Amino acid sequence: MELKTAFDPQHAQAAHENTILASAVLPEGMTAPFQHAWGYLDKPGEMERHRHPKEEVYFFFKGKGFVFVDGEEIPVAPGDVVRIPPDALHTVINRENAELLWAALWWNVL
């Protein structure tokens, strides 16, 4: 039984048009009322800008960066949580030559 997970870039897959690495946050086989993914940038770069009808929340664990939400750029660091409203154009930006790690959770809009 797997009770713990951690992000491992060696086991992550390219996501968002190959702009980030991503993997599941929760242990395999665990069900939750939301979807989830680790997001990871290890050098200067930006996740593909996108929008979707689902609300999303980003929890930052490592590094410093920025979240762009509908024209506003918000600085982020470990411990920060950012809400992404439904249909908002958004991305994560890393301007450092260092790791930036966050967990994203999203769910169907009620």
PDB file of N, CA and C in Angstrom:
ATOM      1  N   MET A   1       0.849  -1.168   0.000  1.00  0.00           N
ATOM      2  CA  MET A   1       0.000   0.000   0.000  1.00  0.00           C
ATOM      3  C   MET A   1       0.898   1.235   0.000  1.00  0.00           C
ATOM      4  N   GLU A   2       0.569   2.188  -0.867  1.00  0.00           N
ATOM      5  CA  GLU A   2       1.316   3.445  -0.936  1.00  0.00           C
ATOM      6  C   GLU A   2       0.568   4.501  -0.138  1.00  0.00           C
ATOM      7  N   LEU A   3       1.203   5.018   0.896  1.00  0.00           N
ATOM      8  CA  LEU A   3       0.564   6.005   1.762  1.00  0.00           C
ATOM      9  C   LEU A   3       1.112   7.404   1.550  1.00  0.00           C
ATOM     10  N   LYS A   4       2.197   7.519   0.812  1.00  0.00           N
ATOM     11  CA  LYS A   4       2.858   8.800   0.675  1.00  0.00           C
ATOM     12  C   LYS A   4       3.326   8.980  -0.761  1.00  0.00           C
ATOM     13  N   THR A   5       3.261  10.213  -1.247  1.00  0.00           N
ATOM     14  CA  THR A   5       3.824  10.527  -2.554  1.00  0.00           C
ATOM     15  C   THR A   5       4.678  11.782  -2.412  1.00  0.00           C
ATOM     16  N   ALA A   6       5.556  11.961  -3.370  1.00  0.00           N
ATOM     17  CA  ALA A   6       6.372  13.167  -3.458  1.00  0.00           C
ATOM     18  C   ALA A   6       6.655  13.411  -4.926  1.00  0.00           C
ATOM     19  N   PHE A   7       6.835  14.655  -5.302  1.00  0.00           N
ATOM     20  CA  PHE A   7       7.138  14.947  -6.694  1.00  0.00           C
ATOM     21  C   PHE A   7       8.546  14.482  -7.021  1.00  0.00           C
ATOM     22  N   ASP A   8       8.694  13.789  -8.144  1.00  0.00           N
ATOM     23  CA  ASP A   8       9.984  13.322  -8.624  1.00  0.00           C
ATOM     24  C   ASP A   8      10.083  13.660 -10.106  1.00  0.00           C
ATOM     25  N   PRO A   9      10.937  14.621 -10.478  1.00  0.00           N
ATOM     26  CA  PRO A   9      11.013  15.007 -11.896  1.00  0.00           C
ATOM     27  C   PRO A   9      11.415  13.849 -12.807  1.00  0.00           C
ATOM     28  N   GLN A  10      12.083  12.840 -12.271  1.00  0.00           N
ATOM     29  CA  GLN A  10      12.480  11.686 -13.084  1.00  0.00           C
ATOM     30  C   GLN A  10      11.274  10.834 -13.505  1.00  0.00           C
ATOM     31  N   HIS A  11      10.162  10.955 -12.783  1.00  0.00           N
ATOM     32  CA  HIS A  11       8.970  10.169 -13.089  1.00  0.00           C
ATOM     33  C   HIS A  11       7.794  11.032 -13.544  1.00  0.00           C
ATOM     34  N   ALA A  12       8.042  12.282 -13.838  1.00  0.00           N
ATOM     35  CA  ALA A  12       6.994  13.197 -14.296  1.00  0.00           C
ATOM     36  C   ALA A  12       6.926  13.185 -15.826  1.00  0.00           C
ATOM     37  N   GLN A  13       5.824  13.673 -16.348  1.00  0.00           N
ATOM     38  CA  GLN A  13       5.620  13.740 -17.785  1.00  0.00           C
ATOM     39  C   GLN A  13       5.477  15.199 -18.220  1.00  0.00           C
ATOM     40  N   ALA A  14       5.843  15.458 -19.467  1.00  0.00           N
ATOM     41  CA  ALA A  14       5.640  16.789 -20.037  1.00  0.00           C
ATOM     42  C   ALA A  14       4.136  17.047 -20.140  1.00  0.00           C
ATOM     43  N   ALA A  15       3.739  18.274 -19.835  1.00  0.00           N
ATOM     44  CA  ALA A  15       2.328  18.665 -19.894  1.00  0.00           C
ATOM     45  C   ALA A  15       2.223  20.104 -20.397  1.00  0.00           C
ATOM     46  N   HIS A  16       1.008  20.533 -20.654  1.00  0.00           N
ATOM     47  CA  HIS A  16       0.741  21.896 -21.133  1.00  0.00           C
ATOM     48  C   HIS A  16       1.656  22.263 -22.298  1.00  0.00           C
ATOM     49  N   GLU A  17       1.489  21.487 -23.388  1.00  0.00           N
ATOM     50  CA  GLU A  17       2.276  21.726 -24.604  1.00  0.00           C
ATOM     51  C   GLU A  17       3.780  21.653 -24.325  1.00  0.00           C
ATOM     52  N   ASN A  18       4.172  20.734 -23.433  1.00  0.00           N
ATOM     53  CA  ASN A  18       5.583  20.504 -23.081  1.00  0.00           C
ATOM     54  C   ASN A  18       6.246  21.697 -22.391  1.00  0.00           C
ATOM     55  N   THR A  19       5.450  22.532 -21.718  1.00  0.00           N
ATOM     56  CA  THR A  19       6.022  23.703 -21.045  1.00  0.00           C
ATOM     57  C   THR A  19       6.336  23.448 -19.577  1.00  0.00           C
ATOM     58  N   ILE A  20       5.785  22.367 -18.990  1.00  0.00           N
ATOM     59  CA  ILE A  20       6.074  22.014 -17.595  1.00  0.00           C
ATOM     60  C   ILE A  20       6.181  20.495 -17.486  1.00  0.00           C
ATOM     61  N   LEU A  21       6.675  20.030 -16.339  1.00  0.00           N
ATOM     62  CA  LEU A  21       6.573  18.624 -15.973  1.00  0.00           C
ATOM     63  C   LEU A  21       5.425  18.495 -14.983  1.00  0.00           C
ATOM     64  N   ALA A  22       4.701  17.379 -15.046  1.00  0.00           N
ATOM     65  CA  ALA A  22       3.559  17.178 -14.161  1.00  0.00           C
ATOM     66  C   ALA A  22       3.447  15.709 -13.776  1.00  0.00           C
ATOM     67  N   SER A  23       2.837  15.466 -12.614  1.00  0.00           N
ATOM     68  CA  SER A  23       2.521  14.108 -12.181  1.00  0.00           C
ATOM     69  C   SER A  23       1.407  14.186 -11.148  1.00  0.00           C
ATOM     70  N   ALA A  24       0.834  13.040 -10.821  1.00  0.00           N
ATOM     71  CA  ALA A  24      -0.260  13.000  -9.849  1.00  0.00           C
ATOM     72  C   ALA A  24       0.233  13.403  -8.467  1.00  0.00           C
ATOM     73  N   VAL A  25      -0.616  14.076  -7.716  1.00  0.00           N
ATOM     74  CA  VAL A  25      -0.290  14.489  -6.350  1.00  0.00           C
ATOM     75  C   VAL A  25      -0.621  13.371  -5.363  1.00  0.00           C
ATOM     76  N   LEU A  26      -1.793  12.784  -5.479  1.00  0.00           N
ATOM     77  CA  LEU A  26      -2.246  11.771  -4.531  1.00  0.00           C
ATOM     78  C   LEU A  26      -1.701  10.393  -4.900  1.00  0.00           C
ATOM     79  N   PRO A  27      -1.583   9.500  -3.933  1.00  0.00           N
ATOM     80  CA  PRO A  27      -1.116   8.141  -4.223  1.00  0.00           C
ATOM     81  C   PRO A  27      -2.018   7.437  -5.232  1.00  0.00           C
ATOM     82  N   GLU A  28      -1.415   6.575  -6.046  1.00  0.00           N
ATOM     83  CA  GLU A  28      -2.156   5.817  -7.048  1.00  0.00           C
ATOM     84  C   GLU A  28      -3.259   5.004  -6.388  1.00  0.00           C
ATOM     85  N   GLY A  29      -4.431   5.035  -6.999  1.00  0.00           N
ATOM     86  CA  GLY A  29      -5.564   4.281  -6.499  1.00  0.00           C
ATOM     87  C   GLY A  29      -6.433   5.054  -5.515  1.00  0.00           C
ATOM     88  N   MET A  30      -5.954   6.179  -5.030  1.00  0.00           N
ATOM     89  CA  MET A  30      -6.744   6.997  -4.102  1.00  0.00           C
ATOM     90  C   MET A  30      -7.708   7.860  -4.904  1.00  0.00           C
ATOM     91  N   THR A  31      -8.960   7.876  -4.485  1.00  0.00           N
ATOM     92  CA  THR A  31      -9.939   8.705  -5.179  1.00  0.00           C
ATOM     93  C   THR A  31     -10.210   9.960  -4.363  1.00  0.00           C
ATOM     94  N   ALA A  32     -10.538  11.035  -5.069  1.00  0.00           N
ATOM     95  CA  ALA A  32     -10.818  12.315  -4.419  1.00  0.00           C
ATOM     96  C   ALA A  32     -11.914  13.022  -5.214  1.00  0.00           C
ATOM     97  N   PRO A  33     -12.609  13.969  -4.614  1.00  0.00           N
ATOM     98  CA  PRO A  33     -13.670  14.695  -5.322  1.00  0.00           C
ATOM     99  C   PRO A  33     -13.115  15.832  -6.190  1.00  0.00           C
ATOM    100  N   PHE A  34     -11.828  15.769  -6.490  1.00  0.00           N
ATOM    101  CA  PHE A  34     -11.181  16.783  -7.316  1.00  0.00           C
ATOM    102  C   PHE A  34     -10.082  16.114  -8.128  1.00  0.00           C
ATOM    103  N   GLN A  35      -9.628  16.801  -9.161  1.00  0.00           N
ATOM    104  CA  GLN A  35      -8.485  16.341  -9.923  1.00  0.00           C
ATOM    105  C   GLN A  35      -7.255  17.079  -9.413  1.00  0.00           C
ATOM    106  N   HIS A  36      -6.065  16.563  -9.739  1.00  0.00           N
ATOM    107  CA  HIS A  36      -4.864  17.110  -9.128  1.00  0.00           C
ATOM    108  C   HIS A  36      -3.635  16.837  -9.971  1.00  0.00           C
ATOM    109  N   ALA A  37      -2.633  17.695  -9.823  1.00  0.00           N
ATOM    110  CA  ALA A  37      -1.347  17.477 -10.491  1.00  0.00           C
ATOM    111  C   ALA A  37      -0.284  18.341  -9.835  1.00  0.00           C
ATOM    112  N   TRP A  38       0.934  17.791  -9.778  1.00  0.00           N
ATOM    113  CA  TRP A  38       2.090  18.617  -9.458  1.00  0.00           C
ATOM    114  C   TRP A  38       2.443  19.382 -10.724  1.00  0.00           C
ATOM    115  N   GLY A  39       2.895  20.623 -10.578  1.00  0.00           N
ATOM    116  CA  GLY A  39       3.450  21.388 -11.682  1.00  0.00           C
ATOM    117  C   GLY A  39       4.885  21.733 -11.328  1.00  0.00           C
ATOM    118  N   TYR A  40       5.788  21.740 -12.331  1.00  0.00           N
ATOM    119  CA  TYR A  40       7.210  21.893 -12.037  1.00  0.00           C
ATOM    120  C   TYR A  40       7.920  22.594 -13.190  1.00  0.00           C
ATOM    121  N   LEU A  41       8.677  23.614 -12.851  1.00  0.00           N
ATOM    122  CA  LEU A  41       9.590  24.289 -13.774  1.00  0.00           C
ATOM    123  C   LEU A  41      10.941  24.359 -13.081  1.00  0.00           C
ATOM    124  N   ASP A  42      12.023  23.947 -13.757  1.00  0.00           N
ATOM    125  CA  ASP A  42      13.335  23.954 -13.098  1.00  0.00           C
ATOM    126  C   ASP A  42      14.319  24.967 -13.683  1.00  0.00           C
ATOM    127  N   LYS A  43      13.826  25.830 -14.555  1.00  0.00           N
ATOM    128  CA  LYS A  43      14.650  26.898 -15.131  1.00  0.00           C
ATOM    129  C   LYS A  43      13.703  27.996 -15.615  1.00  0.00           C
ATOM    130  N   PRO A  44      14.229  29.136 -16.028  1.00  0.00           N
ATOM    131  CA  PRO A  44      13.329  30.185 -16.506  1.00  0.00           C
ATOM    132  C   PRO A  44      12.401  29.662 -17.602  1.00  0.00           C
ATOM    133  N   GLY A  45      11.146  29.980 -17.457  1.00  0.00           N
ATOM    134  CA  GLY A  45      10.156  29.541 -18.428  1.00  0.00           C
ATOM    135  C   GLY A  45       8.759  29.835 -17.937  1.00  0.00           C
ATOM    136  N   GLU A  46       7.804  29.447 -18.747  1.00  0.00           N
ATOM    137  CA  GLU A  46       6.406  29.745 -18.446  1.00  0.00           C
ATOM    138  C   GLU A  46       5.534  28.599 -18.912  1.00  0.00           C
ATOM    139  N   MET A  47       4.591  28.196 -18.059  1.00  0.00           N
ATOM    140  CA  MET A  47       3.603  27.215 -18.460  1.00  0.00           C
ATOM    141  C   MET A  47       2.756  27.818 -19.575  1.00  0.00           C
ATOM    142  N   GLU A  48       2.269  26.977 -20.460  1.00  0.00           N
ATOM    143  CA  GLU A  48       1.373  27.427 -21.522  1.00  0.00           C
ATOM    144  C   GLU A  48       0.216  28.224 -20.910  1.00  0.00           C
ATOM    145  N   ARG A  49      -0.045  29.405 -21.446  1.00  0.00           N
ATOM    146  CA  ARG A  49      -1.215  30.187 -20.979  1.00  0.00           C
ATOM    147  C   ARG A  49      -2.471  29.488 -21.473  1.00  0.00           C
ATOM    148  N   HIS A  50      -3.426  29.347 -20.569  1.00  0.00           N
ATOM    149  CA  HIS A  50      -4.643  28.630 -20.920  1.00  0.00           C
ATOM    150  C   HIS A  50      -5.798  29.083 -20.044  1.00  0.00           C
ATOM    151  N   ARG A  51      -6.971  28.638 -20.387  1.00  0.00           N
ATOM    152  CA  ARG A  51      -8.184  28.880 -19.592  1.00  0.00           C
ATOM    153  C   ARG A  51      -9.092  27.665 -19.717  1.00  0.00           C
ATOM    154  N   HIS A  52      -9.935  27.479 -18.725  1.00  0.00           N
ATOM    155  CA  HIS A  52     -10.893  26.379 -18.729  1.00  0.00           C
ATOM    156  C   HIS A  52     -12.046  26.745 -17.813  1.00  0.00           C
ATOM    157  N   PRO A  53     -13.172  26.057 -17.946  1.00  0.00           N
ATOM    158  CA  PRO A  53     -14.357  26.416 -17.154  1.00  0.00           C
ATOM    159  C   PRO A  53     -14.304  25.963 -15.697  1.00  0.00           C
ATOM    160  N   LYS A  54     -13.201  25.325 -15.286  1.00  0.00           N
ATOM    161  CA  LYS A  54     -13.101  24.827 -13.914  1.00  0.00           C
ATOM    162  C   LYS A  54     -12.314  25.783 -13.025  1.00  0.00           C
ATOM    163  N   GLU A  55     -12.758  25.920 -11.789  1.00  0.00           N
ATOM    164  CA  GLU A  55     -12.000  26.666 -10.794  1.00  0.00           C
ATOM    165  C   GLU A  55     -10.789  25.820 -10.410  1.00  0.00           C
ATOM    166  N   GLU A  56      -9.691  26.491 -10.069  1.00  0.00           N
ATOM    167  CA  GLU A  56      -8.452  25.787  -9.754  1.00  0.00           C
ATOM    168  C   GLU A  56      -7.761  26.508  -8.600  1.00  0.00           C
ATOM    169  N   VAL A  57      -6.981  25.769  -7.823  1.00  0.00           N
ATOM    170  CA  VAL A  57      -6.200  26.346  -6.736  1.00  0.00           C
ATOM    171  C   VAL A  57      -4.775  25.824  -6.849  1.00  0.00           C
ATOM    172  N   TYR A  58      -3.785  26.731  -6.758  1.00  0.00           N
ATOM    173  CA  TYR A  58      -2.368  26.358  -6.781  1.00  0.00           C
ATOM    174  C   TYR A  58      -1.787  26.549  -5.392  1.00  0.00           C
ATOM    175  N   PHE A  59      -1.090  25.513  -4.900  1.00  0.00           N
ATOM    176  CA  PHE A  59      -0.388  25.542  -3.624  1.00  0.00           C
ATOM    177  C   PHE A  59       1.110  25.482  -3.932  1.00  0.00           C
ATOM    178  N   PHE A  60       1.877  26.481  -3.523  1.00  0.00           N
ATOM    179  CA  PHE A  60       3.304  26.535  -3.849  1.00  0.00           C
ATOM    180  C   PHE A  60       4.145  25.937  -2.731  1.00  0.00           C
ATOM    181  N   PHE A  61       5.098  25.084  -3.135  1.00  0.00           N
ATOM    182  CA  PHE A  61       5.922  24.331  -2.195  1.00  0.00           C
ATOM    183  C   PHE A  61       7.401  24.670  -2.263  1.00  0.00           C
ATOM    184  N   LYS A  62       7.900  25.070  -3.435  1.00  0.00           N
ATOM    185  CA  LYS A  62       9.336  25.264  -3.606  1.00  0.00           C
ATOM    186  C   LYS A  62       9.596  26.349  -4.636  1.00  0.00           C
ATOM    187  N   GLY A  63      10.554  27.233  -4.336  1.00  0.00           N
ATOM    188  CA  GLY A  63      10.967  28.254  -5.291  1.00  0.00           C
ATOM    189  C   GLY A  63      10.150  29.529  -5.213  1.00  0.00           C
ATOM    190  N   LYS A  64      10.508  30.443  -6.069  1.00  0.00           N
ATOM    191  CA  LYS A  64       9.798  31.721  -6.187  1.00  0.00           C
ATOM    192  C   LYS A  64       9.439  31.934  -7.644  1.00  0.00           C
ATOM    193  N   GLY A  65       8.263  32.488  -7.872  1.00  0.00           N
ATOM    194  CA  GLY A  65       7.818  32.721  -9.233  1.00  0.00           C
ATOM    195  C   GLY A  65       6.645  33.667  -9.254  1.00  0.00           C
ATOM    196  N   PHE A  66       5.861  33.547 -10.297  1.00  0.00           N
ATOM    197  CA  PHE A  66       4.703  34.415 -10.487  1.00  0.00           C
ATOM    198  C   PHE A  66       3.563  33.594 -11.066  1.00  0.00           C
ATOM    199  N   VAL A  67       2.336  33.969 -10.698  1.00  0.00           N
ATOM    200  CA  VAL A  67       1.149  33.428 -11.333  1.00  0.00           C
ATOM    201  C   VAL A  67       0.495  34.595 -12.065  1.00  0.00           C
ATOM    202  N   PHE A  68       0.203  34.393 -13.325  1.00  0.00           N
ATOM    203  CA  PHE A  68      -0.499  35.379 -14.143  1.00  0.00           C
ATOM    204  C   PHE A  68      -1.953  34.945 -14.205  1.00  0.00           C
ATOM    205  N   VAL A  69      -2.870  35.837 -13.787  1.00  0.00           N
ATOM    206  CA  VAL A  69      -4.307  35.552 -13.818  1.00  0.00           C
ATOM    207  C   VAL A  69      -5.017  36.751 -14.425  1.00  0.00           C
ATOM    208  N   ASP A  70      -5.562  36.575 -15.628  1.00  0.00           N
ATOM    209  CA  ASP A  70      -6.329  37.626 -16.315  1.00  0.00           C
ATOM    210  C   ASP A  70      -5.647  38.998 -16.262  1.00  0.00           C
ATOM    211  N   GLY A  71      -4.379  39.054 -16.623  1.00  0.00           N
ATOM    212  CA  GLY A  71      -3.665  40.325 -16.716  1.00  0.00           C
ATOM    213  C   GLY A  71      -2.952  40.758 -15.457  1.00  0.00           C
ATOM    214  N   GLU A  72      -3.186  40.074 -14.339  1.00  0.00           N
ATOM    215  CA  GLU A  72      -2.517  40.421 -13.074  1.00  0.00           C
ATOM    216  C   GLU A  72      -1.408  39.407 -12.796  1.00  0.00           C
ATOM    217  N   GLU A  73      -0.209  39.903 -12.486  1.00  0.00           N
ATOM    218  CA  GLU A  73       0.918  39.038 -12.156  1.00  0.00           C
ATOM    219  C   GLU A  73       1.121  39.053 -10.640  1.00  0.00           C
ATOM    220  N   ILE A  74       1.046  37.873 -10.023  1.00  0.00           N
ATOM    221  CA  ILE A  74       1.083  37.744  -8.575  1.00  0.00           C
ATOM    222  C   ILE A  74       2.367  37.014  -8.177  1.00  0.00           C
ATOM    223  N   PRO A  75       3.246  37.631  -7.348  1.00  0.00           N
ATOM    224  CA  PRO A  75       4.440  36.911  -6.903  1.00  0.00           C
ATOM    225  C   PRO A  75       4.053  35.785  -5.945  1.00  0.00           C
ATOM    226  N   VAL A  76       4.759  34.637  -6.059  1.00  0.00           N
ATOM    227  CA  VAL A  76       4.468  33.485  -5.204  1.00  0.00           C
ATOM    228  C   VAL A  76       5.753  32.885  -4.663  1.00  0.00           C
ATOM    229  N   ALA A  77       5.618  32.249  -3.489  1.00  0.00           N
ATOM    230  CA  ALA A  77       6.721  31.583  -2.798  1.00  0.00           C
ATOM    231  C   ALA A  77       6.116  30.438  -1.992  1.00  0.00           C
ATOM    232  N   PRO A  78       6.947  29.556  -1.408  1.00  0.00           N
ATOM    233  CA  PRO A  78       6.409  28.444  -0.622  1.00  0.00           C
ATOM    234  C   PRO A  78       5.414  28.913   0.444  1.00  0.00           C
ATOM    235  N   GLY A  79       4.310  28.186   0.529  1.00  0.00           N
ATOM    236  CA  GLY A  79       3.253  28.512   1.479  1.00  0.00           C
ATOM    237  C   GLY A  79       2.129  29.335   0.871  1.00  0.00           C
ATOM    238  N   ASP A  80       2.344  29.897  -0.317  1.00  0.00           N
ATOM    239  CA  ASP A  80       1.300  30.699  -0.961  1.00  0.00           C
ATOM    240  C   ASP A  80       0.278  29.812  -1.646  1.00  0.00           C
ATOM    241  N   VAL A  81      -0.969  30.287  -1.657  1.00  0.00           N
ATOM    242  CA  VAL A  81      -2.077  29.620  -2.329  1.00  0.00           C
ATOM    243  C   VAL A  81      -2.739  30.645  -3.232  1.00  0.00           C
ATOM    244  N   VAL A  82      -2.966  30.281  -4.492  1.00  0.00           N
ATOM    245  CA  VAL A  82      -3.576  31.200  -5.456  1.00  0.00           C
ATOM    246  C   VAL A  82      -4.823  30.543  -6.035  1.00  0.00           C
ATOM    247  N   ARG A  83      -5.936  31.273  -6.023  1.00  0.00           N
ATOM    248  CA  ARG A  83      -7.192  30.808  -6.626  1.00  0.00           C
ATOM    249  C   ARG A  83      -7.224  31.264  -8.077  1.00  0.00           C
ATOM    250  N   ILE A  84      -7.555  30.333  -8.974  1.00  0.00           N
ATOM    251  CA  ILE A  84      -7.723  30.629 -10.389  1.00  0.00           C
ATOM    252  C   ILE A  84      -9.220  30.520 -10.683  1.00  0.00           C
ATOM    253  N   PRO A  85      -9.891  31.644 -10.941  1.00  0.00           N
ATOM    254  CA  PRO A  85     -11.331  31.581 -11.210  1.00  0.00           C
ATOM    255  C   PRO A  85     -11.636  30.843 -12.519  1.00  0.00           C
ATOM    256  N   PRO A  86     -12.852  30.321 -12.665  1.00  0.00           N
ATOM    257  CA  PRO A  86     -13.235  29.685 -13.921  1.00  0.00           C
ATOM    258  C   PRO A  86     -13.062  30.655 -15.093  1.00  0.00           C
ATOM    259  N   ASP A  87     -12.616  30.140 -16.229  1.00  0.00           N
ATOM    260  CA  ASP A  87     -12.460  30.887 -17.479  1.00  0.00           C
ATOM    261  C   ASP A  87     -11.401  31.984 -17.441  1.00  0.00           C
ATOM    262  N   ALA A  88     -10.584  32.055 -16.394  1.00  0.00           N
ATOM    263  CA  ALA A  88      -9.519  33.064 -16.316  1.00  0.00           C
ATOM    264  C   ALA A  88      -8.297  32.589 -17.112  1.00  0.00           C
ATOM    265  N   LEU A  89      -7.720  33.465 -17.914  1.00  0.00           N
ATOM    266  CA  LEU A  89      -6.471  33.156 -18.598  1.00  0.00           C
ATOM    267  C   LEU A  89      -5.376  33.140 -17.539  1.00  0.00           C
ATOM    268  N   HIS A  90      -4.601  32.048 -17.480  1.00  0.00           N
ATOM    269  CA  HIS A  90      -3.621  31.938 -16.402  1.00  0.00           C
ATOM    270  C   HIS A  90      -2.401  31.119 -16.811  1.00  0.00           C
ATOM    271  N   THR A  91      -1.313  31.321 -16.038  1.00  0.00           N
ATOM    272  CA  THR A  91      -0.079  30.578 -16.224  1.00  0.00           C
ATOM    273  C   THR A  91       0.767  30.712 -14.963  1.00  0.00           C
ATOM    274  N   VAL A  92       1.837  29.927 -14.900  1.00  0.00           N
ATOM    275  CA  VAL A  92       2.862  30.057 -13.861  1.00  0.00           C
ATOM    276  C   VAL A  92       4.157  30.414 -14.567  1.00  0.00           C
ATOM    277  N   ILE A  93       4.901  31.359 -13.991  1.00  0.00           N
ATOM    278  CA  ILE A  93       6.130  31.864 -14.599  1.00  0.00           C
ATOM    279  C   ILE A  93       7.291  31.677 -13.626  1.00  0.00           C
ATOM    280  N   ASN A  94       8.397  31.139 -14.133  1.00  0.00           N
ATOM    281  CA  ASN A  94       9.634  31.003 -13.356  1.00  0.00           C
ATOM    282  C   ASN A  94      10.697  31.871 -14.030  1.00  0.00           C
ATOM    283  N   ARG A  95      11.205  32.851 -13.339  1.00  0.00           N
ATOM    284  CA  ARG A  95      12.242  33.725 -13.882  1.00  0.00           C
ATOM    285  C   ARG A  95      13.615  33.419 -13.301  1.00  0.00           C
ATOM    286  N   GLU A  96      13.687  32.392 -12.466  1.00  0.00           N
ATOM    287  CA  GLU A  96      14.938  32.006 -11.804  1.00  0.00           C
ATOM    288  C   GLU A  96      15.502  30.739 -12.450  1.00  0.00           C
ATOM    289  N   ASN A  97      16.776  30.542 -12.290  1.00  0.00           N
ATOM    290  CA  ASN A  97      17.395  29.284 -12.710  1.00  0.00           C
ATOM    291  C   ASN A  97      17.369  28.345 -11.508  1.00  0.00           C
ATOM    292  N   ALA A  98      16.152  28.027 -11.054  1.00  0.00           N
ATOM    293  CA  ALA A  98      15.936  27.228  -9.850  1.00  0.00           C
ATOM    294  C   ALA A  98      14.574  26.547  -9.963  1.00  0.00           C
ATOM    295  N   GLU A  99      14.341  25.553  -9.103  1.00  0.00           N
ATOM    296  CA  GLU A  99      13.096  24.801  -9.136  1.00  0.00           C
ATOM    297  C   GLU A  99      11.913  25.624  -8.619  1.00  0.00           C
ATOM    298  N   LEU A 100      10.784  25.460  -9.290  1.00  0.00           N
ATOM    299  CA  LEU A 100       9.511  26.016  -8.858  1.00  0.00           C
ATOM    300  C   LEU A 100       8.515  24.866  -8.883  1.00  0.00           C
ATOM    301  N   LEU A 101       7.922  24.551  -7.720  1.00  0.00           N
ATOM    302  CA  LEU A 101       7.033  23.401  -7.582  1.00  0.00           C
ATOM    303  C   LEU A 101       5.728  23.833  -6.945  1.00  0.00           C
ATOM    304  N   TRP A 102       4.623  23.404  -7.553  1.00  0.00           N
ATOM    305  CA  TRP A 102       3.300  23.695  -7.007  1.00  0.00           C
ATOM    306  C   TRP A 102       2.389  22.498  -7.239  1.00  0.00           C
ATOM    307  N   ALA A 103       1.334  22.426  -6.442  1.00  0.00           N
ATOM    308  CA  ALA A 103       0.283  21.431  -6.634  1.00  0.00           C
ATOM    309  C   ALA A 103      -0.966  22.171  -7.079  1.00  0.00           C
ATOM    310  N   ALA A 104      -1.621  21.633  -8.099  1.00  0.00           N
ATOM    311  CA  ALA A 104      -2.865  22.216  -8.610  1.00  0.00           C
ATOM    312  C   ALA A 104      -4.014  21.268  -8.284  1.00  0.00           C
ATOM    313  N   LEU A 105      -5.105  21.825  -7.804  1.00  0.00           N
ATOM    314  CA  LEU A 105      -6.334  21.066  -7.566  1.00  0.00           C
ATOM    315  C   LEU A 105      -7.448  21.754  -8.336  1.00  0.00           C
ATOM    316  N   TRP A 106      -8.303  20.976  -9.000  1.00  0.00           N
ATOM    317  CA  TRP A 106      -9.438  21.554  -9.711  1.00  0.00           C
ATOM    318  C   TRP A 106     -10.609  20.587  -9.659  1.00  0.00           C
ATOM    319  N   TRP A 107     -11.791  21.129  -9.869  1.00  0.00           N
ATOM    320  CA  TRP A 107     -13.003  20.350  -9.746  1.00  0.00           C
ATOM    321  C   TRP A 107     -14.056  20.944 -10.666  1.00  0.00           C
ATOM    322  N   ASN A 108     -15.108  20.194 -10.897  1.00  0.00           N
ATOM    323  CA  ASN A 108     -16.188  20.681 -11.756  1.00  0.00           C
ATOM    324  C   ASN A 108     -16.882  21.866 -11.111  1.00  0.00           C
ATOM    325  N   VAL A 109     -17.235  22.829 -11.929  1.00  0.00           N
ATOM    326  CA  VAL A 109     -17.971  23.999 -11.444  1.00  0.00           C
ATOM    327  C   VAL A 109     -19.394  23.549 -11.141  1.00  0.00           C
ATOM    328  N   LEU A 110     -19.898  23.965  -9.991  1.00  0.00           N
ATOM    329  CA  LEU A 110     -21.259  23.559  -9.599  1.00  0.00           C
ATOM    330  C   LEU A 110     -22.293  24.460 -10.209  1.00  0.00           C
TER     331      LEU A 110
END
